[in-house]
């Protein structure tokens, strides 16, 4: 049992002993502390949890990604075996839907081994349940570096948004790291380190250098995307990164907390809410490119799914459903591809990363349409 009754008590103790902590350290403790970290202690998904991801919205999402993987495998020269790697696989819903879709492609299905990167023991149990009938080799890992060599197709859906984000705030004499401190009243509050970061302006993207006083810039280290890119460069394959975020590096504060499907104060209940920040796709792309991989996209999720044939798949499912189920399918289609309130189609972006020899990835090249045959998916 922890010596501290809560995440808030532990964080306050650390601040009192070592001083204000960077936002990145605060986020890391809240999410992945082994005893009170949000991702270590619960299943956060679904109606009874705090948020819902695209695979939980509709089976169509995972089915199309399974067929996408099969098309990529063919373009890779159909290596055997090939690893299907998923980072942060949630309840295993997406992988289960992918595997169901590719059962109609026996050559690919028989070539696949599954590797899941997951740190949440509760979700590992859910994944075992969801994939219990897969009849394929499945391995679990704490990090991608623990996965064996060989060609791979990697999926990261809403993975990078949960990695700790650094923040800096512009003051009169430069950029200061944004920190979490304790107010006189004992509350957690945002602050800024007293000294500016030396030569930080030289590292900033062009759009940020002219940001006004008070502006916030946030970034993530590139180690994780570079690990993925180096693997693909050295062993072959492709990765699909799907997340909410922006396509150009710019100033702005996107650090947020979500609990019970609503936004809340990220400092209010440490360890009890999901903490995220938008993904900077330009920074991801630069990191992957620096590691020697080829880039594809990014494109908006709605456009990507339409290119893969989601509208055809939805029409097929609705034609065989009763009116209520058909209405649910239509609603799911609108949520996955739409741009209005609650729509994921424009907010979420899709970036492909591959071995340099893979010049085209389905759905990520301009002008491509129906790159996978959605009719191949099982009913």
Protein backbone atom coordinates (compact mmCIF):
# COMPACT_ATOMS: atom_id res chain seq x y z
CA UNK A 1 0.00 0.00 0.00
CA UNK A 2 1.23 3.50 -0.82
CA UNK A 3 2.44 5.64 2.07
CA UNK A 4 0.42 8.50 0.59
CA UNK A 5 -3.38 8.53 0.53
CA UNK A 6 -3.75 10.14 -2.88
CA UNK A 7 -2.02 11.44 -5.96
CA UNK A 8 -2.62 14.99 -4.79
CA UNK A 9 -0.85 14.33 -1.47
CA UNK A 10 2.12 12.73 -3.22
CA UNK A 11 2.45 15.60 -5.70
CA UNK A 12 2.23 18.22 -2.95
CA UNK A 13 4.92 16.41 -0.98
CA UNK A 14 7.23 16.37 -3.99
CA UNK A 15 6.65 20.07 -4.67
CA UNK A 16 7.31 21.02 -1.05
CA UNK A 17 10.55 19.04 -0.99
CA UNK A 18 11.94 19.84 -4.46
CA UNK A 19 10.08 22.94 -5.62
CA UNK A 20 7.57 23.47 -8.43
CA UNK A 21 7.48 20.63 -10.96
CA UNK A 22 7.31 20.96 -14.75
CA UNK A 23 3.93 20.31 -16.35
CA UNK A 24 5.45 17.27 -18.07
CA UNK A 25 6.42 15.71 -14.73
CA UNK A 26 3.00 16.46 -13.27
CA UNK A 27 1.30 14.79 -16.25
CA UNK A 28 3.60 11.79 -16.01
CA UNK A 29 2.87 11.27 -12.30
CA UNK A 30 -0.88 11.69 -12.74
CA UNK A 31 -1.08 9.15 -15.56
CA UNK A 32 1.58 6.51 -14.93
CA UNK A 33 2.63 6.51 -11.27
CA UNK A 34 2.64 2.78 -10.38
CA UNK A 35 0.29 3.21 -7.41
CA UNK A 36 -2.06 6.09 -8.17
CA UNK A 37 -1.55 6.79 -11.89
CA UNK A 38 -4.77 7.17 -13.85
CA UNK A 39 -3.71 4.66 -16.53
CA UNK A 40 -2.50 2.15 -13.97
CA UNK A 41 -5.63 1.75 -11.91
CA UNK A 42 -8.77 1.62 -14.09
CA UNK A 43 -10.51 0.97 -17.37
CA UNK A 44 -11.19 4.54 -18.54
CA UNK A 45 -13.12 3.70 -21.72
CA UNK A 46 -16.76 3.61 -22.70
CA UNK A 47 -19.97 5.06 -21.33
CA UNK A 48 -19.09 4.09 -17.77
CA UNK A 49 -15.58 5.52 -18.10
CA UNK A 50 -14.26 8.96 -18.98
CA UNK A 51 -13.93 8.94 -22.78
CA UNK A 52 -14.73 6.95 -25.92
CA UNK A 53 -12.27 6.24 -28.74
CA UNK A 54 -13.07 5.60 -32.40
CA UNK A 55 -12.91 1.76 -32.14
CA UNK A 56 -15.58 1.93 -29.43
CA UNK A 57 -17.79 4.09 -31.67
CA UNK A 58 -18.12 1.51 -34.44
CA UNK A 59 -16.73 -1.80 -35.68
CA UNK A 60 -16.21 -0.14 -39.07
CA UNK A 61 -13.13 1.69 -37.81
CA UNK A 62 -11.17 -1.42 -36.87
CA UNK A 63 -12.40 -3.39 -39.87
CA UNK A 64 -11.09 -0.81 -42.32
CA UNK A 65 -7.75 -0.62 -40.52
CA UNK A 66 -7.45 -4.41 -40.74
CA UNK A 67 -7.98 -4.27 -44.50
CA UNK A 68 -5.56 -1.32 -44.66
CA UNK A 69 -2.93 -3.50 -42.96
CA UNK A 70 -3.53 -6.28 -45.49
CA UNK A 71 -3.03 -3.85 -48.39
CA UNK A 72 0.18 -2.55 -46.82
CA UNK A 73 1.44 -6.10 -46.30
CA UNK A 74 0.95 -6.82 -50.00
CA UNK A 75 2.92 -3.71 -50.90
CA UNK A 76 5.69 -4.86 -48.53
CA UNK A 77 6.10 -8.06 -50.57
CA UNK A 78 3.99 -10.24 -48.21
CA UNK A 79 6.71 -11.09 -45.66
CA UNK A 80 6.12 -13.99 -43.26
CA UNK A 81 5.83 -13.57 -40.39
CA UNK A 82 4.73 -9.96 -40.03
CA UNK A 83 4.03 -8.30 -36.71
CA UNK A 84 0.85 -6.34 -36.07
CA UNK A 85 1.83 -3.94 -33.29
CA UNK A 86 -0.67 -1.75 -31.44
CA UNK A 87 0.43 0.92 -28.98
CA UNK A 88 -2.09 1.55 -26.21
CA UNK A 89 -4.71 -0.93 -27.44
CA UNK A 90 -7.44 0.01 -24.95
CA UNK A 91 -9.87 -2.86 -24.46
CA UNK A 92 -8.57 -4.71 -27.51
CA UNK A 93 -11.64 -3.68 -29.50
CA UNK A 94 -9.77 -2.30 -32.50
CA UNK A 95 -7.45 -5.30 -32.79
CA UNK A 96 -10.40 -7.71 -32.47
CA UNK A 97 -12.24 -5.91 -35.27
CA UNK A 98 -9.09 -5.87 -37.42
CA UNK A 99 -8.55 -9.60 -36.98
CA UNK A 100 -12.18 -10.38 -37.76
CA UNK A 101 -11.90 -8.41 -41.01
CA UNK A 102 -8.70 -10.13 -42.17
CA UNK A 103 -9.99 -13.65 -41.58
CA UNK A 104 -11.28 -13.51 -45.17
CA UNK A 105 -7.65 -13.02 -46.30
CA UNK A 106 -6.10 -16.30 -45.12
CA UNK A 107 -2.59 -15.67 -46.46
CA UNK A 108 -2.30 -12.47 -44.44
CA UNK A 109 -4.10 -13.84 -41.39
CA UNK A 110 -1.75 -16.83 -41.19
CA UNK A 111 1.33 -14.60 -41.51
CA UNK A 112 0.41 -12.37 -38.55
CA UNK A 113 1.70 -12.33 -35.00
CA UNK A 114 0.27 -9.78 -32.52
CA UNK A 115 2.28 -7.51 -30.21
CA UNK A 116 0.46 -5.17 -27.82
CA UNK A 117 2.18 -2.39 -25.87
CA UNK A 118 0.20 -1.76 -22.68
CA UNK A 119 1.07 -0.62 -19.13
CA UNK A 120 -2.40 -0.86 -17.57
CA UNK A 121 -2.97 -4.25 -15.88
CA UNK A 122 -6.76 -3.82 -15.93
CA UNK A 123 -6.74 -3.20 -19.67
CA UNK A 124 -4.43 -6.15 -20.31
CA UNK A 125 -7.14 -8.34 -18.76
CA UNK A 126 -9.77 -6.76 -21.04
CA UNK A 127 -7.54 -7.30 -24.06
CA UNK A 128 -7.08 -10.97 -23.18
CA UNK A 129 -10.87 -11.34 -23.08
CA UNK A 130 -11.41 -9.53 -26.37
CA UNK A 131 -8.71 -11.50 -28.19
CA UNK A 132 -9.20 -14.86 -26.53
CA UNK A 133 -10.54 -16.44 -29.71
CA UNK A 134 -7.94 -14.98 -32.05
CA UNK A 135 -5.96 -18.25 -32.45
CA UNK A 136 -2.86 -16.21 -33.24
CA UNK A 137 0.34 -15.65 -31.25
CA UNK A 138 -0.21 -12.62 -28.96
CA UNK A 139 2.49 -11.00 -26.82
CA UNK A 140 2.24 -8.11 -24.35
CA UNK A 141 5.00 -5.56 -23.75
CA UNK A 142 5.62 -2.48 -21.60
CA UNK A 143 7.32 -0.63 -24.47
CA UNK A 144 7.95 -1.01 -28.17
CA UNK A 145 11.67 -1.64 -27.59
CA UNK A 146 10.75 -4.97 -26.02
CA UNK A 147 9.28 -6.32 -29.26
CA UNK A 148 11.41 -8.67 -31.36
CA UNK A 149 12.83 -7.82 -34.76
CA UNK A 150 11.14 -8.28 -38.11
CA UNK A 151 8.82 -6.40 -40.47
CA UNK A 152 5.86 -4.79 -38.74
CA UNK A 153 2.68 -2.79 -39.24
CA UNK A 154 2.21 -0.45 -36.28
CA UNK A 155 -0.98 1.26 -35.07
CA UNK A 156 -1.12 4.13 -32.58
CA UNK A 157 -4.68 5.36 -32.10
CA UNK A 158 -4.98 8.07 -29.41
CA UNK A 159 -1.56 7.12 -28.07
CA UNK A 160 0.65 10.17 -28.53
CA UNK A 161 -1.86 12.60 -26.95
CA UNK A 162 -1.32 10.87 -23.60
CA UNK A 163 2.48 11.15 -23.62
CA UNK A 164 3.73 13.87 -21.22
CA UNK A 165 3.88 17.33 -22.78
CA UNK A 166 6.31 20.12 -21.90
CA UNK A 167 5.02 23.69 -21.76
CA UNK A 168 6.79 27.05 -21.82
CA UNK A 169 5.29 30.51 -21.41
CA UNK A 170 6.66 33.68 -22.92
CA UNK A 171 7.64 36.48 -20.56
CA UNK A 172 9.32 39.81 -21.28
CA UNK A 173 12.84 38.39 -21.23
CA UNK A 174 12.26 35.00 -22.86
CA UNK A 175 10.52 31.64 -22.52
CA UNK A 176 10.07 30.11 -19.05
CA UNK A 177 9.13 26.53 -18.31
CA UNK A 178 5.54 26.27 -17.10
CA UNK A 179 5.30 24.50 -13.75
CA UNK A 180 2.80 23.27 -11.16
CA UNK A 181 3.14 24.89 -7.73
CA UNK A 182 1.20 25.19 -4.46
CA UNK A 183 -0.68 28.40 -3.68
CA UNK A 184 -0.74 30.06 -0.26
CA UNK A 185 -4.13 28.44 0.21
CA UNK A 186 -2.72 24.98 -0.46
CA UNK A 187 -4.17 24.55 -3.97
CA UNK A 188 -2.26 23.32 -6.99
CA UNK A 189 -1.71 26.19 -9.43
CA UNK A 190 0.20 26.88 -12.62
CA UNK A 191 3.31 29.02 -12.46
CA UNK A 192 6.53 29.69 -14.34
CA UNK A 193 10.16 28.95 -13.56
CA UNK A 194 11.94 32.18 -12.49
CA UNK A 195 14.75 32.00 -15.04
CA UNK A 196 14.20 31.93 -18.83
CA UNK A 197 15.47 29.00 -20.85
CA UNK A 198 18.76 29.94 -22.50
CA UNK A 199 18.84 30.04 -26.31
CA UNK A 200 15.36 28.49 -26.45
CA UNK A 201 14.25 30.85 -29.22
CA UNK A 202 16.70 29.14 -31.57
CA UNK A 203 14.82 25.85 -31.16
CA UNK A 204 11.34 27.22 -31.79
CA UNK A 205 9.31 26.60 -34.96
CA UNK A 206 8.99 29.72 -37.15
CA UNK A 207 5.33 30.36 -36.29
CA UNK A 208 6.13 30.49 -32.57
CA UNK A 209 9.07 32.90 -32.59
CA UNK A 210 6.84 35.95 -32.93
CA UNK A 211 4.33 34.81 -30.30
CA UNK A 212 3.23 37.58 -27.88
CA UNK A 213 4.01 37.80 -24.17
CA UNK A 214 1.80 35.35 -22.30
CA UNK A 215 1.73 32.83 -25.16
CA UNK A 216 2.22 29.15 -24.34
CA UNK A 217 4.10 26.67 -26.50
CA UNK A 218 4.06 22.94 -25.85
CA UNK A 219 6.06 20.05 -27.23
CA UNK A 220 6.83 16.40 -26.65
CA UNK A 221 10.24 14.76 -26.92
CA UNK A 222 10.65 12.86 -30.18
CA UNK A 223 12.09 9.64 -28.74
CA UNK A 224 8.90 7.59 -29.18
CA UNK A 225 8.24 8.48 -32.82
CA UNK A 226 11.93 8.00 -33.58
CA UNK A 227 11.87 4.50 -32.04
CA UNK A 228 8.99 3.61 -34.35
CA UNK A 229 10.65 5.20 -37.38
CA UNK A 230 14.00 3.51 -36.78
CA UNK A 231 12.31 0.13 -36.47
CA UNK A 232 10.50 0.60 -39.79
CA UNK A 233 13.67 1.88 -41.43
CA UNK A 234 15.70 -1.10 -40.26
CA UNK A 235 13.17 -3.96 -40.50
CA UNK A 236 10.51 -2.78 -42.94
CA UNK A 237 6.86 -1.92 -42.61
CA UNK A 238 4.60 1.02 -41.88
CA UNK A 239 2.90 2.81 -39.00
CA UNK A 240 -0.45 4.55 -38.80
CA UNK A 241 -0.76 7.32 -36.20
CA UNK A 242 -4.28 8.60 -35.51
CA UNK A 243 -4.86 11.33 -32.95
CA UNK A 244 -6.39 14.73 -32.38
CA UNK A 245 -4.10 17.63 -33.02
CA UNK A 246 -2.77 20.23 -35.44
CA UNK A 247 -0.75 19.86 -38.63
CA UNK A 248 1.59 22.83 -37.99
CA UNK A 249 3.66 23.66 -34.91
CA UNK A 250 2.25 26.79 -33.30
CA UNK A 251 1.69 28.43 -29.93
CA UNK A 252 -1.35 27.48 -27.86
CA UNK A 253 -2.34 25.77 -24.62
CA UNK A 254 -4.13 22.45 -25.23
CA UNK A 255 -3.35 20.76 -21.90
CA UNK A 256 -6.68 19.41 -20.65
CA UNK A 257 -8.40 16.94 -18.36
CA UNK A 258 -11.42 14.77 -19.12
CA UNK A 259 -13.58 12.98 -16.56
CA UNK A 260 -16.96 11.36 -17.17
CA UNK A 261 -16.91 12.59 -20.79
CA UNK A 262 -16.59 16.25 -19.75
CA UNK A 263 -13.70 18.69 -19.51
CA UNK A 264 -12.46 19.51 -16.04
CA UNK A 265 -9.62 21.45 -14.38
CA UNK A 266 -6.38 19.45 -14.96
CA UNK A 267 -5.14 20.45 -11.48
CA UNK A 268 -8.34 19.61 -9.65
CA UNK A 269 -8.13 15.85 -9.07
CA UNK A 270 -4.67 14.45 -9.88
CA UNK A 271 -4.81 10.81 -10.87
CA UNK A 272 -8.61 10.83 -11.17
CA UNK A 273 -8.98 12.30 -14.67
CA UNK A 274 -7.43 11.67 -18.06
CA UNK A 275 -4.80 14.28 -18.94
CA UNK A 276 -4.01 14.94 -22.59
CA UNK A 277 -2.70 17.57 -24.98
CA UNK A 278 -3.13 17.90 -28.72
CA UNK A 279 -0.57 16.19 -30.94
CA UNK A 280 1.76 18.34 -33.01
CA UNK A 281 1.83 16.37 -36.26
CA UNK A 282 4.52 18.56 -37.78
CA UNK A 283 6.86 17.72 -34.90
CA UNK A 284 6.01 14.00 -35.21
CA UNK A 285 6.72 14.08 -38.93
CA UNK A 286 10.07 15.83 -38.46
CA UNK A 287 11.12 13.30 -35.83
CA UNK A 288 10.22 10.35 -38.06
CA UNK A 289 11.93 11.90 -41.05
CA UNK A 290 15.08 12.59 -39.04
CA UNK A 291 15.17 8.88 -38.17
CA UNK A 292 15.18 7.93 -41.85
CA UNK A 293 11.53 6.98 -42.43
CA UNK A 294 9.19 8.08 -45.23
CA UNK A 295 6.16 10.26 -44.43
CA UNK A 296 2.61 9.97 -45.76
CA UNK A 297 0.06 12.69 -44.95
CA UNK A 298 -1.21 13.79 -42.54
CA UNK A 299 -4.82 13.92 -43.68
CA UNK A 300 -8.01 14.43 -41.69
CA UNK A 301 -9.56 11.26 -40.27
CA UNK A 302 -12.84 11.79 -42.12
CA UNK A 303 -11.09 12.01 -45.47
CA UNK A 304 -8.89 9.02 -44.67
CA UNK A 305 -11.86 6.82 -43.76
CA UNK A 306 -13.83 7.91 -46.81
CA UNK A 307 -10.88 7.00 -49.03
CA UNK A 308 -10.84 3.55 -47.42
CA UNK A 309 -14.52 3.08 -48.22
CA UNK A 310 -16.30 3.63 -44.90
CA UNK A 311 -19.42 4.92 -46.62
CA UNK A 312 -19.65 1.72 -48.68
CA UNK A 313 -19.15 -0.37 -45.54
CA UNK A 314 -21.82 1.58 -43.66
CA UNK A 315 -24.31 1.16 -46.51
CA UNK A 316 -23.68 -2.60 -46.57
CA UNK A 317 -24.24 -2.91 -42.82
CA UNK A 318 -27.35 -0.71 -42.86
CA UNK A 319 -28.94 -2.68 -45.71
CA UNK A 320 -29.01 -5.76 -43.49
CA UNK A 321 -30.01 -4.06 -40.22
CA UNK A 322 -33.29 -3.15 -38.59
CA UNK A 323 -34.19 0.56 -38.50
CA UNK A 324 -32.77 1.20 -35.01
CA UNK A 325 -29.44 -0.48 -35.75
CA UNK A 326 -29.27 1.27 -39.12
CA UNK A 327 -29.77 4.62 -37.37
CA UNK A 328 -26.94 3.74 -34.95
CA UNK A 329 -24.64 2.91 -37.87
CA UNK A 330 -25.48 6.21 -39.56
CA UNK A 331 -24.81 8.07 -36.29
CA UNK A 332 -21.44 6.31 -35.89
CA UNK A 333 -20.50 7.18 -39.47
CA UNK A 334 -21.31 10.83 -38.82
CA UNK A 335 -19.26 10.87 -35.61
CA UNK A 336 -16.20 9.23 -37.19
CA UNK A 337 -16.18 11.40 -40.33
CA UNK A 338 -18.20 14.51 -39.46
CA UNK A 339 -16.88 17.98 -38.70
CA UNK A 340 -19.68 19.36 -36.52
CA UNK A 341 -20.13 19.20 -32.77
CA UNK A 342 -18.85 15.85 -31.51
CA UNK A 343 -17.47 14.91 -34.91
CA UNK A 344 -14.00 13.39 -35.10
CA UNK A 345 -13.52 13.80 -38.83
CA UNK A 346 -11.56 17.06 -38.86
CA UNK A 347 -10.17 17.23 -35.32
CA UNK A 348 -8.41 13.87 -35.71
CA UNK A 349 -5.53 13.54 -38.15
CA UNK A 350 -3.87 10.48 -39.69
CA UNK A 351 -0.13 10.27 -40.35
CA UNK A 352 1.63 7.40 -42.08
CA UNK A 353 5.29 6.53 -41.46
CA UNK A 354 7.05 3.81 -43.43
CA UNK A 355 10.24 2.25 -44.69
CA UNK A 356 11.66 4.52 -47.41
CA UNK A 357 10.83 1.98 -50.15
CA UNK A 358 7.08 2.15 -49.45
CA UNK A 359 6.11 5.10 -51.62
CA UNK A 360 2.31 4.85 -51.25
CA UNK A 361 0.14 3.98 -48.26
CA UNK A 362 -3.63 3.48 -48.77
CA UNK A 363 -5.74 6.52 -47.95
CA UNK A 364 -2.79 8.83 -47.44
CA UNK A 365 -1.91 9.84 -51.00
CA UNK A 366 -3.78 12.66 -52.75
CA UNK A 367 -6.42 11.50 -55.13
CA UNK A 368 -6.67 7.96 -53.77
CA UNK A 369 -10.14 6.58 -53.26
CA UNK A 370 -11.36 3.20 -51.99
CA UNK A 371 -7.83 1.92 -51.42
CA UNK A 372 -9.12 -1.13 -49.61
CA UNK A 373 -12.12 -3.23 -50.51
CA UNK A 374 -14.55 -2.61 -47.64
CA UNK A 375 -16.80 -5.36 -48.99
CA UNK A 376 -14.18 -7.90 -47.93
CA UNK A 377 -14.93 -7.34 -44.23
CA UNK A 378 -16.99 -9.99 -42.45
CA UNK A 379 -20.53 -9.12 -41.54
